[in-house]
Amino acid sequence: MAQHYESDITRFINEYKTKHPDTEKRQLEGRALLWDKQQDAELLKQFKAARVPQKPYVYQTN
């Protein structure tokens, strides 16, 4: 691939980021809503201890 080649998508993203400079900040804020959370090790341990083993074939009625 040529060194100077820039795809249409790359050009679009670069132009969008130029026109909307707060894009990356808003992306990080959106990510923080669902993904960047502190994990509670004790709570995870309790969840694992409370699991009920699944039967080998869950759709079997017998």
PDB file of N, CA and C in Angstrom:
ATOM      1  N   MET A   1       0.841  -1.167   0.000  1.00  0.00           N
ATOM      2  CA  MET A   1       0.000   0.000   0.000  1.00  0.00           C
ATOM      3  C   MET A   1       0.894   1.240   0.000  1.00  0.00           C
ATOM      4  N   ALA A   2       0.517   2.220  -0.745  1.00  0.00           N
ATOM      5  CA  ALA A   2       1.316   3.440  -0.837  1.00  0.00           C
ATOM      6  C   ALA A   2       1.303   4.195   0.492  1.00  0.00           C
ATOM      7  N   GLN A   3       2.400   4.850   0.799  1.00  0.00           N
ATOM      8  CA  GLN A   3       2.530   5.574   2.065  1.00  0.00           C
ATOM      9  C   GLN A   3       1.577   6.772   2.147  1.00  0.00           C
ATOM     10  N   HIS A   4       1.266   7.375   1.033  1.00  0.00           N
ATOM     11  CA  HIS A   4       0.444   8.580   1.040  1.00  0.00           C
ATOM     12  C   HIS A   4      -1.050   8.288   0.896  1.00  0.00           C
ATOM     13  N   TYR A   5      -1.422   7.032   0.792  1.00  0.00           N
ATOM     14  CA  TYR A   5      -2.831   6.681   0.618  1.00  0.00           C
ATOM     15  C   TYR A   5      -3.605   6.908   1.912  1.00  0.00           C
ATOM     16  N   GLU A   6      -4.790   7.489   1.771  1.00  0.00           N
ATOM     17  CA  GLU A   6      -5.675   7.697   2.911  1.00  0.00           C
ATOM     18  C   GLU A   6      -7.088   7.314   2.461  1.00  0.00           C
ATOM     19  N   SER A   7      -7.683   6.367   3.135  1.00  0.00           N
ATOM     20  CA  SER A   7      -9.003   5.883   2.728  1.00  0.00           C
ATOM     21  C   SER A   7     -10.070   6.948   2.963  1.00  0.00           C
ATOM     22  N   ASP A   8     -11.213   6.739   2.326  1.00  0.00           N
ATOM     23  CA  ASP A   8     -12.335   7.663   2.500  1.00  0.00           C
ATOM     24  C   ASP A   8     -12.786   7.698   3.953  1.00  0.00           C
ATOM     25  N   ILE A   9     -12.804   6.543   4.581  1.00  0.00           N
ATOM     26  CA  ILE A   9     -13.231   6.469   5.981  1.00  0.00           C
ATOM     27  C   ILE A   9     -12.275   7.243   6.882  1.00  0.00           C
ATOM     28  N   THR A  10     -10.978   7.060   6.669  1.00  0.00           N
ATOM     29  CA  THR A  10      -9.984   7.775   7.471  1.00  0.00           C
ATOM     30  C   THR A  10     -10.126   9.278   7.279  1.00  0.00           C
ATOM     31  N   ARG A  11     -10.317   9.703   6.032  1.00  0.00           N
ATOM     32  CA  ARG A  11     -10.518  11.120   5.758  1.00  0.00           C
ATOM     33  C   ARG A  11     -11.775  11.641   6.460  1.00  0.00           C
ATOM     34  N   PHE A  12     -12.855  10.852   6.395  1.00  0.00           N
ATOM     35  CA  PHE A  12     -14.098  11.260   7.045  1.00  0.00           C
ATOM     36  C   PHE A  12     -13.900  11.419   8.551  1.00  0.00           C
ATOM     37  N   ILE A  13     -13.247  10.442   9.184  1.00  0.00           N
ATOM     38  CA  ILE A  13     -13.023  10.503  10.634  1.00  0.00           C
ATOM     39  C   ILE A  13     -12.157  11.701  10.999  1.00  0.00           C
ATOM     40  N   ASN A  14     -11.101  11.932  10.241  1.00  0.00           N
ATOM     41  CA  ASN A  14     -10.232  13.082  10.517  1.00  0.00           C
ATOM     42  C   ASN A  14     -10.976  14.402  10.356  1.00  0.00           C
ATOM     43  N   GLU A  15     -11.804  14.516   9.316  1.00  0.00           N
ATOM     44  CA  GLU A  15     -12.588  15.735   9.117  1.00  0.00           C
ATOM     45  C   GLU A  15     -13.605  15.905  10.244  1.00  0.00           C
ATOM     46  N   TYR A  16     -14.244  14.810  10.637  1.00  0.00           N
ATOM     47  CA  TYR A  16     -15.227  14.863  11.718  1.00  0.00           C
ATOM     48  C   TYR A  16     -14.582  15.334  13.013  1.00  0.00           C
ATOM     49  N   LYS A  17     -13.414  14.779  13.328  1.00  0.00           N
ATOM     50  CA  LYS A  17     -12.721  15.166  14.557  1.00  0.00           C
ATOM     51  C   LYS A  17     -12.279  16.623  14.503  1.00  0.00           C
ATOM     52  N   THR A  18     -11.955  17.113  13.314  1.00  0.00           N
ATOM     53  CA  THR A  18     -11.577  18.515  13.168  1.00  0.00           C
ATOM     54  C   THR A  18     -12.779  19.419  13.412  1.00  0.00           C
ATOM     55  N   LYS A  19     -13.935  19.029  12.878  1.00  0.00           N
ATOM     56  CA  LYS A  19     -15.152  19.830  13.039  1.00  0.00           C
ATOM     57  C   LYS A  19     -15.755  19.689  14.434  1.00  0.00           C
ATOM     58  N   HIS A  20     -15.518  18.554  15.091  1.00  0.00           N
ATOM     59  CA  HIS A  20     -16.069  18.281  16.421  1.00  0.00           C
ATOM     60  C   HIS A  20     -14.921  17.909  17.367  1.00  0.00           C
ATOM     61  N   PRO A  21     -14.186  18.898  17.873  1.00  0.00           N
ATOM     62  CA  PRO A  21     -12.994  18.601  18.689  1.00  0.00           C
ATOM     63  C   PRO A  21     -13.288  17.909  20.015  1.00  0.00           C
ATOM     64  N   ASP A  22     -14.536  17.924  20.473  1.00  0.00           N
ATOM     65  CA  ASP A  22     -14.864  17.293  21.748  1.00  0.00           C
ATOM     66  C   ASP A  22     -15.248  15.822  21.599  1.00  0.00           C
ATOM     67  N   THR A  23     -15.082  15.251  20.422  1.00  0.00           N
ATOM     68  CA  THR A  23     -15.503  13.877  20.147  1.00  0.00           C
ATOM     69  C   THR A  23     -14.831  12.870  21.078  1.00  0.00           C
ATOM     70  N   GLU A  24     -13.528  12.937  21.209  1.00  0.00           N
ATOM     71  CA  GLU A  24     -12.816  11.957  22.033  1.00  0.00           C
ATOM     72  C   GLU A  24     -13.219  12.078  23.507  1.00  0.00           C
ATOM     73  N   LYS A  25     -13.441  13.295  23.974  1.00  0.00           N
ATOM     74  CA  LYS A  25     -13.879  13.493  25.356  1.00  0.00           C
ATOM     75  C   LYS A  25     -15.252  12.856  25.561  1.00  0.00           C
ATOM     76  N   ARG A  26     -16.172  13.042  24.613  1.00  0.00           N
ATOM     77  CA  ARG A  26     -17.506  12.455  24.730  1.00  0.00           C
ATOM     78  C   ARG A  26     -17.448  10.937  24.626  1.00  0.00           C
ATOM     79  N   GLN A  27     -16.531  10.404  23.813  1.00  0.00           N
ATOM     80  CA  GLN A  27     -16.372   8.949  23.720  1.00  0.00           C
ATOM     81  C   GLN A  27     -15.935   8.375  25.066  1.00  0.00           C
ATOM     82  N   LEU A  28     -14.979   9.021  25.711  1.00  0.00           N
ATOM     83  CA  LEU A  28     -14.497   8.554  27.013  1.00  0.00           C
ATOM     84  C   LEU A  28     -15.596   8.646  28.066  1.00  0.00           C
ATOM     85  N   GLU A  29     -16.403   9.705  28.009  1.00  0.00           N
ATOM     86  CA  GLU A  29     -17.512   9.833  28.960  1.00  0.00           C
ATOM     87  C   GLU A  29     -18.525   8.706  28.737  1.00  0.00           C
ATOM     88  N   GLY A  30     -18.820   8.390  27.484  1.00  0.00           N
ATOM     89  CA  GLY A  30     -19.753   7.319  27.178  1.00  0.00           C
ATOM     90  C   GLY A  30     -19.228   5.968  27.617  1.00  0.00           C
ATOM     91  N   ARG A  31     -17.942   5.746  27.411  1.00  0.00           N
ATOM     92  CA  ARG A  31     -17.331   4.486  27.839  1.00  0.00           C
ATOM     93  C   ARG A  31     -17.403   4.342  29.359  1.00  0.00           C
ATOM     94  N   ALA A  32     -17.207   5.437  30.056  1.00  0.00           N
ATOM     95  CA  ALA A  32     -17.206   5.405  31.518  1.00  0.00           C
ATOM     96  C   ALA A  32     -18.580   5.041  32.084  1.00  0.00           C
ATOM     97  N   LEU A  33     -19.643   5.297  31.320  1.00  0.00           N
ATOM     98  CA  LEU A  33     -20.982   4.974  31.805  1.00  0.00           C
ATOM     99  C   LEU A  33     -21.164   3.479  32.030  1.00  0.00           C
ATOM    100  N   LEU A  34     -20.595   2.661  31.144  1.00  0.00           N
ATOM    101  CA  LEU A  34     -20.843   1.226  31.213  1.00  0.00           C
ATOM    102  C   LEU A  34     -19.603   0.374  31.494  1.00  0.00           C
ATOM    103  N   TRP A  35     -18.447   0.806  31.072  1.00  0.00           N
ATOM    104  CA  TRP A  35     -17.298  -0.095  31.072  1.00  0.00           C
ATOM    105  C   TRP A  35     -16.252   0.210  32.129  1.00  0.00           C
ATOM    106  N   ASP A  36     -15.940   1.431  32.359  1.00  0.00           N
ATOM    107  CA  ASP A  36     -14.845   1.780  33.266  1.00  0.00           C
ATOM    108  C   ASP A  36     -15.346   1.893  34.696  1.00  0.00           C
ATOM    109  N   LYS A  37     -15.633   0.757  35.300  1.00  0.00           N
ATOM    110  CA  LYS A  37     -16.153   0.715  36.661  1.00  0.00           C
ATOM    111  C   LYS A  37     -15.171  -0.020  37.568  1.00  0.00           C
ATOM    112  N   GLN A  38     -15.156   0.380  38.826  1.00  0.00           N
ATOM    113  CA  GLN A  38     -14.339  -0.316  39.806  1.00  0.00           C
ATOM    114  C   GLN A  38     -14.978  -1.668  40.116  1.00  0.00           C
ATOM    115  N   GLN A  39     -14.168  -2.690  40.231  1.00  0.00           N
ATOM    116  CA  GLN A  39     -14.659  -4.032  40.532  1.00  0.00           C
ATOM    117  C   GLN A  39     -14.572  -4.288  42.034  1.00  0.00           C
ATOM    118  N   ASP A  40     -15.621  -4.861  42.580  1.00  0.00           N
ATOM    119  CA  ASP A  40     -15.656  -5.226  43.986  1.00  0.00           C
ATOM    120  C   ASP A  40     -15.304  -6.716  44.088  1.00  0.00           C
ATOM    121  N   ALA A  41     -14.100  -7.014  44.531  1.00  0.00           N
ATOM    122  CA  ALA A  41     -13.613  -8.395  44.571  1.00  0.00           C
ATOM    123  C   ALA A  41     -14.464  -9.273  45.494  1.00  0.00           C
ATOM    124  N   GLU A  42     -14.890  -8.739  46.608  1.00  0.00           N
ATOM    125  CA  GLU A  42     -15.696  -9.523  47.543  1.00  0.00           C
ATOM    126  C   GLU A  42     -17.057  -9.867  46.935  1.00  0.00           C
ATOM    127  N   LEU A  43     -17.671  -8.923  46.245  1.00  0.00           N
ATOM    128  CA  LEU A  43     -18.960  -9.161  45.605  1.00  0.00           C
ATOM    129  C   LEU A  43     -18.826 -10.205  44.491  1.00  0.00           C
ATOM    130  N   LEU A  44     -17.759 -10.131  43.706  1.00  0.00           N
ATOM    131  CA  LEU A  44     -17.529 -11.127  42.654  1.00  0.00           C
ATOM    132  C   LEU A  44     -17.349 -12.521  43.255  1.00  0.00           C
ATOM    133  N   LYS A  45     -16.658 -12.582  44.374  1.00  0.00           N
ATOM    134  CA  LYS A  45     -16.457 -13.858  45.058  1.00  0.00           C
ATOM    135  C   LYS A  45     -17.793 -14.439  45.513  1.00  0.00           C
ATOM    136  N   GLN A  46     -18.676 -13.591  46.028  1.00  0.00           N
ATOM    137  CA  GLN A  46     -20.003 -14.036  46.447  1.00  0.00           C
ATOM    138  C   GLN A  46     -20.831 -14.515  45.252  1.00  0.00           C
ATOM    139  N   PHE A  47     -20.749 -13.818  44.132  1.00  0.00           N
ATOM    140  CA  PHE A  47     -21.473 -14.233  42.933  1.00  0.00           C
ATOM    141  C   PHE A  47     -21.029 -15.616  42.479  1.00  0.00           C
ATOM    142  N   LYS A  48     -19.730 -15.849  42.471  1.00  0.00           N
ATOM    143  CA  LYS A  48     -19.204 -17.148  42.049  1.00  0.00           C
ATOM    144  C   LYS A  48     -19.634 -18.258  43.001  1.00  0.00           C
ATOM    145  N   ALA A  49     -19.658 -17.958  44.297  1.00  0.00           N
ATOM    146  CA  ALA A  49     -20.053 -18.963  45.285  1.00  0.00           C
ATOM    147  C   ALA A  49     -21.542 -19.296  45.189  1.00  0.00           C
ATOM    148  N   ALA A  50     -22.353 -18.371  44.719  1.00  0.00           N
ATOM    149  CA  ALA A  50     -23.800 -18.563  44.662  1.00  0.00           C
ATOM    150  C   ALA A  50     -24.267 -19.220  43.361  1.00  0.00           C
ATOM    151  N   ARG A  51     -23.359 -19.504  42.454  1.00  0.00           N
ATOM    152  CA  ARG A  51     -23.757 -20.110  41.179  1.00  0.00           C
ATOM    153  C   ARG A  51     -24.337 -21.501  41.384  1.00  0.00           C
ATOM    154  N   VAL A  52     -25.350 -21.807  40.597  1.00  0.00           N
ATOM    155  CA  VAL A  52     -25.966 -23.130  40.617  1.00  0.00           C
ATOM    156  C   VAL A  52     -25.463 -23.863  39.383  1.00  0.00           C
ATOM    157  N   PRO A  53     -24.931 -25.078  39.546  1.00  0.00           N
ATOM    158  CA  PRO A  53     -24.409 -25.793  38.385  1.00  0.00           C
ATOM    159  C   PRO A  53     -25.519 -26.077  37.364  1.00  0.00           C
ATOM    160  N   GLN A  54     -25.190 -25.902  36.107  1.00  0.00           N
ATOM    161  CA  GLN A  54     -26.152 -26.144  35.042  1.00  0.00           C
ATOM    162  C   GLN A  54     -26.133 -27.614  34.650  1.00  0.00           C
ATOM    163  N   LYS A  55     -27.302 -28.167  34.365  1.00  0.00           N
ATOM    164  CA  LYS A  55     -27.380 -29.549  33.930  1.00  0.00           C
ATOM    165  C   LYS A  55     -26.767 -29.667  32.545  1.00  0.00           C
ATOM    166  N   PRO A  56     -26.271 -30.865  32.185  1.00  0.00           N
ATOM    167  CA  PRO A  56     -25.579 -31.023  30.906  1.00  0.00           C
ATOM    168  C   PRO A  56     -26.424 -30.620  29.698  1.00  0.00           C
ATOM    169  N   TYR A  57     -27.690 -30.975  29.685  1.00  0.00           N
ATOM    170  CA  TYR A  57     -28.537 -30.630  28.554  1.00  0.00           C
ATOM    171  C   TYR A  57     -29.750 -29.907  29.102  1.00  0.00           C
ATOM    172  N   VAL A  58     -29.764 -28.603  28.983  1.00  0.00           N
ATOM    173  CA  VAL A  58     -30.771 -27.794  29.662  1.00  0.00           C
ATOM    174  C   VAL A  58     -32.164 -27.921  29.066  1.00  0.00           C
ATOM    175  N   TYR A  59     -32.286 -28.372  27.826  1.00  0.00           N
ATOM    176  CA  TYR A  59     -33.591 -28.468  27.190  1.00  0.00           C
ATOM    177  C   TYR A  59     -34.269 -29.809  27.381  1.00  0.00           C
ATOM    178  N   GLN A  60     -33.577 -30.741  27.997  1.00  0.00           N
ATOM    179  CA  GLN A  60     -34.163 -32.059  28.228  1.00  0.00           C
ATOM    180  C   GLN A  60     -35.179 -31.960  29.372  1.00  0.00           C
ATOM    181  N   THR A  61     -36.376 -32.516  29.162  1.00  0.00           N
ATOM    182  CA  THR A  61     -37.449 -32.407  30.151  1.00  0.00           C
ATOM    183  C   THR A  61     -37.488 -33.551  31.128  1.00  0.00           C
ATOM    184  N   ASN A  62     -36.783 -34.651  30.883  1.00  0.00           N
ATOM    185  CA  ASN A  62     -36.828 -35.827  31.771  1.00  0.00           C
ATOM    186  C   ASN A  62     -35.903 -35.622  32.948  1.00  0.00           C
TER     187      ASN A  62
END
